[in-house]
Amino acid sequence: MSSVDSAHSETVRDEADMALKILIAGGFGVGKTTLVGSVSEIRPLRTEEYLSEVGEAVDDTRGVDRKATTTVAMDFGRITIRQGLSLYLFGTPGQDRFWFLWDDLSSGALGAVVLADTRRLADCFPAVDYFENRRVPFLVAVNCFPGARDYGAEDVSRALDLDSGTPVVLCDARDRDSGKEVLIRLVEHAGRMHTARMLDTVSRP
């Protein structure tokens, strides 16, 4: 094969590859940075800073008292789901004082994972409301912390008042296979949601 043919083949292959943007959201200390780091096939980008005495007045560390750092901008990682399909992962900051970053981070996203800790389920409501209001497809992934109350998917769905079609899955954010399965479920769910919306738009008179 000539160098020209080789370059053409490489260009065609690159054009055939698909990269999708996924958000990893949730409350403070729920495991967003851990999830991005565990599944990423590249060295993840982190923007963590140590918690300070000033932050103690605004950050609720109950249940995560061992946490020493917090994300102040975003986490970033990449994972290849299958040949030709990669996901770019953007972990959002959890504290409300950083929510002004969410609009930029969510621009162009296929969907979102909302991580949940059953010890602090109420921390999920801001992320759930955000994605519901902006019609961004999402699922809730319950990060199974040691010693946390054993909630089932239906219990979590009722507690968060989720729409009936919103998936709830259990996971271990530290485990790569578990995290990858969450992302696959999200891509499938988001794909169905986007297809349904396109069909609804086409069918309108």
C-alpha atoms as a PDB file:
ATOM      1  CA  MET A   1       0.000   0.000   0.000  1.00  0.00           C
ATOM      2  CA  SER A   2       1.356   3.422  -0.940  1.00  0.00           C
ATOM      3  CA  SER A   3       1.817   6.169   1.610  1.00  0.00           C
ATOM      4  CA  VAL A   4      -1.088   8.047   0.002  1.00  0.00           C
ATOM      5  CA  ASP A   5      -3.389   5.024   0.303  1.00  0.00           C
ATOM      6  CA  SER A   6      -2.252   4.489   3.885  1.00  0.00           C
ATOM      7  CA  ALA A   7      -2.973   8.095   4.800  1.00  0.00           C
ATOM      8  CA  HIS A   8      -6.384   7.889   3.124  1.00  0.00           C
ATOM      9  CA  SER A   9      -7.250   4.715   5.039  1.00  0.00           C
ATOM     10  CA  GLU A  10      -6.206   6.336   8.309  1.00  0.00           C
ATOM     11  CA  THR A  11      -8.359   9.380   7.532  1.00  0.00           C
ATOM     12  CA  VAL A  12     -11.381   7.216   6.735  1.00  0.00           C
ATOM     13  CA  ARG A  13     -10.860   5.252   9.968  1.00  0.00           C
ATOM     14  CA  ASP A  14     -10.629   8.432  12.025  1.00  0.00           C
ATOM     15  CA  GLU A  15     -13.796   9.807  10.460  1.00  0.00           C
ATOM     16  CA  ALA A  16     -15.611   6.549  11.258  1.00  0.00           C
ATOM     17  CA  ASP A  17     -14.629   6.719  14.929  1.00  0.00           C
ATOM     18  CA  MET A  18     -17.202   8.253  17.239  1.00  0.00           C
ATOM     19  CA  ALA A  19     -16.427  10.151  20.416  1.00  0.00           C
ATOM     20  CA  LEU A  20     -19.256  10.937  22.829  1.00  0.00           C
ATOM     21  CA  LYS A  21     -19.238  13.363  25.729  1.00  0.00           C
ATOM     22  CA  ILE A  22     -20.516  12.045  29.066  1.00  0.00           C
ATOM     23  CA  LEU A  23     -20.925  13.907  32.349  1.00  0.00           C
ATOM     24  CA  ILE A  24     -20.281  12.325  35.739  1.00  0.00           C
ATOM     25  CA  ALA A  25     -22.265  14.314  38.309  1.00  0.00           C
ATOM     26  CA  GLY A  26     -23.546  14.054  41.852  1.00  0.00           C
ATOM     27  CA  GLY A  27     -23.079  15.434  45.322  1.00  0.00           C
ATOM     28  CA  PHE A  28     -19.934  16.240  47.256  1.00  0.00           C
ATOM     29  CA  GLY A  29     -17.749  13.194  48.007  1.00  0.00           C
ATOM     30  CA  VAL A  30     -19.937  10.707  46.144  1.00  0.00           C
ATOM     31  CA  GLY A  31     -17.125   9.180  44.043  1.00  0.00           C
ATOM     32  CA  LYS A  32     -17.074  11.117  40.768  1.00  0.00           C
ATOM     33  CA  THR A  33     -13.293  11.504  40.667  1.00  0.00           C
ATOM     34  CA  THR A  34     -12.893   7.855  41.647  1.00  0.00           C
ATOM     35  CA  LEU A  35     -15.184   6.658  38.838  1.00  0.00           C
ATOM     36  CA  VAL A  36     -13.444   8.722  36.161  1.00  0.00           C
ATOM     37  CA  GLY A  37     -10.039   7.540  37.362  1.00  0.00           C
ATOM     38  CA  SER A  38     -10.988   3.862  37.590  1.00  0.00           C
ATOM     39  CA  VAL A  39     -12.336   3.555  34.041  1.00  0.00           C
ATOM     40  CA  SER A  40     -10.077   5.981  32.157  1.00  0.00           C
ATOM     41  CA  GLU A  41      -7.558   4.410  29.782  1.00  0.00           C
ATOM     42  CA  ILE A  42      -5.488   7.595  29.866  1.00  0.00           C
ATOM     43  CA  ARG A  43      -4.044   9.337  32.888  1.00  0.00           C
ATOM     44  CA  PRO A  44      -7.050  11.313  34.117  1.00  0.00           C
ATOM     45  CA  LEU A  45      -6.933  15.066  34.428  1.00  0.00           C
ATOM     46  CA  ARG A  46      -7.888  16.175  37.921  1.00  0.00           C
ATOM     47  CA  THR A  47      -8.413  19.643  39.345  1.00  0.00           C
ATOM     48  CA  GLU A  48      -8.435  18.803  43.035  1.00  0.00           C
ATOM     49  CA  GLU A  49      -7.522  21.079  45.899  1.00  0.00           C
ATOM     50  CA  TYR A  50      -7.167  20.306  49.584  1.00  0.00           C
ATOM     51  CA  LEU A  51     -10.147  21.144  51.753  1.00  0.00           C
ATOM     52  CA  SER A  52      -9.530  24.228  53.848  1.00  0.00           C
ATOM     53  CA  GLU A  53     -10.896  25.608  57.084  1.00  0.00           C
ATOM     54  CA  VAL A  54     -12.758  28.212  55.033  1.00  0.00           C
ATOM     55  CA  GLY A  55     -14.521  25.455  53.108  1.00  0.00           C
ATOM     56  CA  GLU A  56     -15.661  23.735  56.283  1.00  0.00           C
ATOM     57  CA  ALA A  57     -18.334  26.400  56.680  1.00  0.00           C
ATOM     58  CA  VAL A  58     -19.963  25.552  53.323  1.00  0.00           C
ATOM     59  CA  ASP A  59     -19.029  21.915  52.557  1.00  0.00           C
ATOM     60  CA  ASP A  60     -21.099  19.227  54.255  1.00  0.00           C
ATOM     61  CA  THR A  61     -18.592  16.465  55.000  1.00  0.00           C
ATOM     62  CA  ARG A  62     -20.907  14.267  57.046  1.00  0.00           C
ATOM     63  CA  GLY A  63     -20.380  10.665  55.931  1.00  0.00           C
ATOM     64  CA  VAL A  64     -17.181  11.579  54.053  1.00  0.00           C
ATOM     65  CA  ASP A  65     -15.159  12.973  56.945  1.00  0.00           C
ATOM     66  CA  ARG A  66     -11.986  11.279  55.632  1.00  0.00           C
ATOM     67  CA  LYS A  67     -12.169  13.238  52.377  1.00  0.00           C
ATOM     68  CA  ALA A  68      -9.198  15.602  52.150  1.00  0.00           C
ATOM     69  CA  THR A  69      -9.560  17.037  48.617  1.00  0.00           C
ATOM     70  CA  THR A  70     -12.315  18.321  46.357  1.00  0.00           C
ATOM     71  CA  THR A  71     -12.728  18.938  42.615  1.00  0.00           C
ATOM     72  CA  VAL A  72     -12.823  22.653  41.839  1.00  0.00           C
ATOM     73  CA  ALA A  73     -13.245  22.606  38.041  1.00  0.00           C
ATOM     74  CA  MET A  74     -13.613  19.167  36.489  1.00  0.00           C
ATOM     75  CA  ASP A  75     -12.172  15.680  36.081  1.00  0.00           C
ATOM     76  CA  PHE A  76     -11.449  14.367  32.601  1.00  0.00           C
ATOM     77  CA  GLY A  77     -10.852  10.860  31.279  1.00  0.00           C
ATOM     78  CA  ARG A  78     -11.403   8.694  28.220  1.00  0.00           C
ATOM     79  CA  ILE A  79     -12.534   5.116  27.721  1.00  0.00           C
ATOM     80  CA  THR A  80     -12.990   3.059  24.558  1.00  0.00           C
ATOM     81  CA  ILE A  81     -16.233   1.098  24.834  1.00  0.00           C
ATOM     82  CA  ARG A  82     -15.670  -0.811  21.601  1.00  0.00           C
ATOM     83  CA  GLN A  83     -13.747  -0.320  18.389  1.00  0.00           C
ATOM     84  CA  GLY A  84     -14.820   2.995  16.894  1.00  0.00           C
ATOM     85  CA  LEU A  85     -16.623   4.265  20.003  1.00  0.00           C
ATOM     86  CA  SER A  86     -14.906   6.276  22.730  1.00  0.00           C
ATOM     87  CA  LEU A  87     -16.373   8.224  25.619  1.00  0.00           C
ATOM     88  CA  TYR A  88     -14.919  11.468  26.920  1.00  0.00           C
ATOM     89  CA  LEU A  89     -15.772  11.703  30.607  1.00  0.00           C
ATOM     90  CA  PHE A  90     -16.209  15.034  32.371  1.00  0.00           C
ATOM     91  CA  GLY A  91     -16.611  14.891  36.136  1.00  0.00           C
ATOM     92  CA  THR A  92     -18.448  17.893  37.542  1.00  0.00           C
ATOM     93  CA  PRO A  93     -17.654  19.608  40.862  1.00  0.00           C
ATOM     94  CA  GLY A  94     -20.114  18.652  43.571  1.00  0.00           C
ATOM     95  CA  GLN A  95     -20.463  21.802  45.660  1.00  0.00           C
ATOM     96  CA  ASP A  96     -23.146  24.322  44.751  1.00  0.00           C
ATOM     97  CA  ARG A  97     -20.645  27.203  44.641  1.00  0.00           C
ATOM     98  CA  PHE A  98     -19.127  25.602  41.509  1.00  0.00           C
ATOM     99  CA  TRP A  99     -22.413  24.961  39.672  1.00  0.00           C
ATOM    100  CA  PHE A 100     -21.789  27.907  37.356  1.00  0.00           C
ATOM    101  CA  LEU A 101     -19.399  25.538  35.527  1.00  0.00           C
ATOM    102  CA  TRP A 102     -22.104  22.983  34.761  1.00  0.00           C
ATOM    103  CA  ASP A 103     -23.612  24.784  31.757  1.00  0.00           C
ATOM    104  CA  ASP A 104     -20.277  24.796  29.927  1.00  0.00           C
ATOM    105  CA  LEU A 105     -19.485  21.208  30.902  1.00  0.00           C
ATOM    106  CA  SER A 106     -22.902  19.907  29.804  1.00  0.00           C
ATOM    107  CA  SER A 107     -22.819  21.583  26.382  1.00  0.00           C
ATOM    108  CA  GLY A 108     -22.871  18.863  23.721  1.00  0.00           C
ATOM    109  CA  ALA A 109     -23.132  15.986  26.196  1.00  0.00           C
ATOM    110  CA  LEU A 110     -24.922  12.808  25.108  1.00  0.00           C
ATOM    111  CA  GLY A 111     -25.987  12.115  28.677  1.00  0.00           C
ATOM    112  CA  ALA A 112     -24.989  12.010  32.318  1.00  0.00           C
ATOM    113  CA  VAL A 113     -24.343   9.631  35.184  1.00  0.00           C
ATOM    114  CA  VAL A 114     -25.657  10.895  38.523  1.00  0.00           C
ATOM    115  CA  LEU A 115     -23.721   9.115  41.250  1.00  0.00           C
ATOM    116  CA  ALA A 116     -25.603   8.539  44.487  1.00  0.00           C
ATOM    117  CA  ASP A 117     -24.632   7.650  48.037  1.00  0.00           C
ATOM    118  CA  THR A 118     -27.560   6.117  49.958  1.00  0.00           C
ATOM    119  CA  ARG A 119     -26.275   7.785  53.131  1.00  0.00           C
ATOM    120  CA  ARG A 120     -26.788  11.199  51.481  1.00  0.00           C
ATOM    121  CA  LEU A 121     -29.461  10.663  48.821  1.00  0.00           C
ATOM    122  CA  ALA A 122     -30.735  14.228  49.109  1.00  0.00           C
ATOM    123  CA  ASP A 123     -27.431  15.420  47.637  1.00  0.00           C
ATOM    124  CA  CYS A 124     -28.586  13.991  44.284  1.00  0.00           C
ATOM    125  CA  PHE A 125     -31.581  16.276  43.877  1.00  0.00           C
ATOM    126  CA  PRO A 126     -29.714  19.271  42.375  1.00  0.00           C
ATOM    127  CA  ALA A 127     -28.122  17.092  39.669  1.00  0.00           C
ATOM    128  CA  VAL A 128     -31.376  15.251  38.945  1.00  0.00           C
ATOM    129  CA  ASP A 129     -33.289  18.539  38.675  1.00  0.00           C
ATOM    130  CA  TYR A 130     -30.578  20.051  36.467  1.00  0.00           C
ATOM    131  CA  PHE A 131     -30.648  17.259  33.887  1.00  0.00           C
ATOM    132  CA  GLU A 132     -34.415  16.844  33.943  1.00  0.00           C
ATOM    133  CA  ASN A 133     -34.955  20.576  33.352  1.00  0.00           C
ATOM    134  CA  ARG A 134     -32.497  20.577  30.435  1.00  0.00           C
ATOM    135  CA  ARG A 135     -33.764  17.278  29.018  1.00  0.00           C
ATOM    136  CA  VAL A 136     -30.332  15.671  29.220  1.00  0.00           C
ATOM    137  CA  PRO A 137     -30.691  11.863  29.374  1.00  0.00           C
ATOM    138  CA  PHE A 138     -29.252  10.465  32.597  1.00  0.00           C
ATOM    139  CA  LEU A 139     -29.232   7.473  34.878  1.00  0.00           C
ATOM    140  CA  VAL A 140     -28.605   7.194  38.604  1.00  0.00           C
ATOM    141  CA  ALA A 141     -25.707   4.969  39.662  1.00  0.00           C
ATOM    142  CA  VAL A 142     -25.733   4.049  43.350  1.00  0.00           C
ATOM    143  CA  ASN A 143     -22.143   3.860  44.560  1.00  0.00           C
ATOM    144  CA  CYS A 144     -22.204   1.028  47.095  1.00  0.00           C
ATOM    145  CA  PHE A 145     -20.092   2.356  49.959  1.00  0.00           C
ATOM    146  CA  PRO A 146     -19.155  -0.118  52.722  1.00  0.00           C
ATOM    147  CA  GLY A 147     -21.622   0.155  55.580  1.00  0.00           C
ATOM    148  CA  ALA A 148     -24.198   2.117  53.573  1.00  0.00           C
ATOM    149  CA  ARG A 149     -27.854   1.145  53.807  1.00  0.00           C
ATOM    150  CA  ASP A 150     -28.790  -1.498  51.266  1.00  0.00           C
ATOM    151  CA  TYR A 151     -31.310   0.254  49.021  1.00  0.00           C
ATOM    152  CA  GLY A 152     -32.767  -1.446  45.957  1.00  0.00           C
ATOM    153  CA  ALA A 153     -33.087   0.322  42.614  1.00  0.00           C
ATOM    154  CA  GLU A 154     -36.838   0.822  43.076  1.00  0.00           C
ATOM    155  CA  ASP A 155     -36.307   2.318  46.540  1.00  0.00           C
ATOM    156  CA  VAL A 156     -33.832   4.848  45.154  1.00  0.00           C
ATOM    157  CA  SER A 157     -36.102   5.685  42.229  1.00  0.00           C
ATOM    158  CA  ARG A 158     -39.002   6.423  44.585  1.00  0.00           C
ATOM    159  CA  ALA A 159     -36.837   8.399  47.008  1.00  0.00           C
ATOM    160  CA  LEU A 160     -35.572  10.637  44.193  1.00  0.00           C
ATOM    161  CA  ASP A 161     -39.005  10.818  42.486  1.00  0.00           C
ATOM    162  CA  LEU A 162     -37.479   9.793  39.155  1.00  0.00           C
ATOM    163  CA  ASP A 163     -39.438   9.449  35.934  1.00  0.00           C
ATOM    164  CA  SER A 164     -40.401   5.839  35.316  1.00  0.00           C
ATOM    165  CA  GLY A 165     -37.978   5.493  32.400  1.00  0.00           C
ATOM    166  CA  THR A 166     -34.892   6.707  34.290  1.00  0.00           C
ATOM    167  CA  PRO A 167     -32.576   3.743  35.010  1.00  0.00           C
ATOM    168  CA  VAL A 168     -31.105   3.134  38.449  1.00  0.00           C
ATOM    169  CA  VAL A 169     -28.089   0.826  38.673  1.00  0.00           C
ATOM    170  CA  LEU A 170     -25.794  -0.311  41.478  1.00  0.00           C
ATOM    171  CA  CYS A 171     -22.047   0.052  41.093  1.00  0.00           C
ATOM    172  CA  ASP A 172     -18.652   0.211  42.751  1.00  0.00           C
ATOM    173  CA  ALA A 173     -16.929   3.368  41.495  1.00  0.00           C
ATOM    174  CA  ARG A 174     -13.541   1.843  42.353  1.00  0.00           C
ATOM    175  CA  ASP A 175     -14.030  -1.106  39.999  1.00  0.00           C
ATOM    176  CA  ARG A 176     -13.305  -0.574  36.294  1.00  0.00           C
ATOM    177  CA  ASP A 177     -15.696  -3.254  35.016  1.00  0.00           C
ATOM    178  CA  SER A 178     -18.499  -1.957  37.218  1.00  0.00           C
ATOM    179  CA  GLY A 179     -17.943   1.609  36.045  1.00  0.00           C
ATOM    180  CA  LYS A 180     -17.753   0.547  32.411  1.00  0.00           C
ATOM    181  CA  GLU A 181     -21.077  -1.269  32.704  1.00  0.00           C
ATOM    182  CA  VAL A 182     -22.669   1.920  34.060  1.00  0.00           C
ATOM    183  CA  LEU A 183     -21.389   3.875  31.052  1.00  0.00           C
ATOM    184  CA  ILE A 184     -22.659   1.267  28.596  1.00  0.00           C
ATOM    185  CA  ARG A 185     -26.105   1.394  30.203  1.00  0.00           C
ATOM    186  CA  LEU A 186     -26.080   5.182  29.927  1.00  0.00           C
ATOM    187  CA  VAL A 187     -25.118   5.166  26.236  1.00  0.00           C
ATOM    188  CA  GLU A 188     -27.911   2.685  25.507  1.00  0.00           C
ATOM    189  CA  HIS A 189     -30.456   4.716  27.483  1.00  0.00           C
ATOM    190  CA  ALA A 190     -29.393   8.038  25.955  1.00  0.00           C
ATOM    191  CA  GLY A 191     -29.474   6.526  22.472  1.00  0.00           C
ATOM    192  CA  ARG A 192     -33.072   5.392  22.967  1.00  0.00           C
ATOM    193  CA  MET A 193     -34.062   8.793  24.353  1.00  0.00           C
ATOM    194  CA  HIS A 194     -32.519  10.736  21.469  1.00  0.00           C
ATOM    195  CA  THR A 195     -34.070   8.372  18.896  1.00  0.00           C
ATOM    196  CA  ALA A 196     -37.509   8.732  20.479  1.00  0.00           C
ATOM    197  CA  ARG A 197     -37.221  12.533  20.435  1.00  0.00           C
ATOM    198  CA  MET A 198     -36.157  12.543  16.782  1.00  0.00           C
ATOM    199  CA  LEU A 199     -39.098  10.313  15.819  1.00  0.00           C
ATOM    200  CA  ASP A 200     -41.464  12.504  17.817  1.00  0.00           C
ATOM    201  CA  THR A 201     -40.183  15.596  16.013  1.00  0.00           C
ATOM    202  CA  VAL A 202     -40.519  13.971  12.579  1.00  0.00           C
ATOM    203  CA  SER A 203     -44.064  12.734  13.298  1.00  0.00           C
ATOM    204  CA  ARG A 204     -45.351  16.162  14.288  1.00  0.00           C
ATOM    205  CA  PRO A 205     -47.535  17.822  11.591  1.00  0.00           C
END
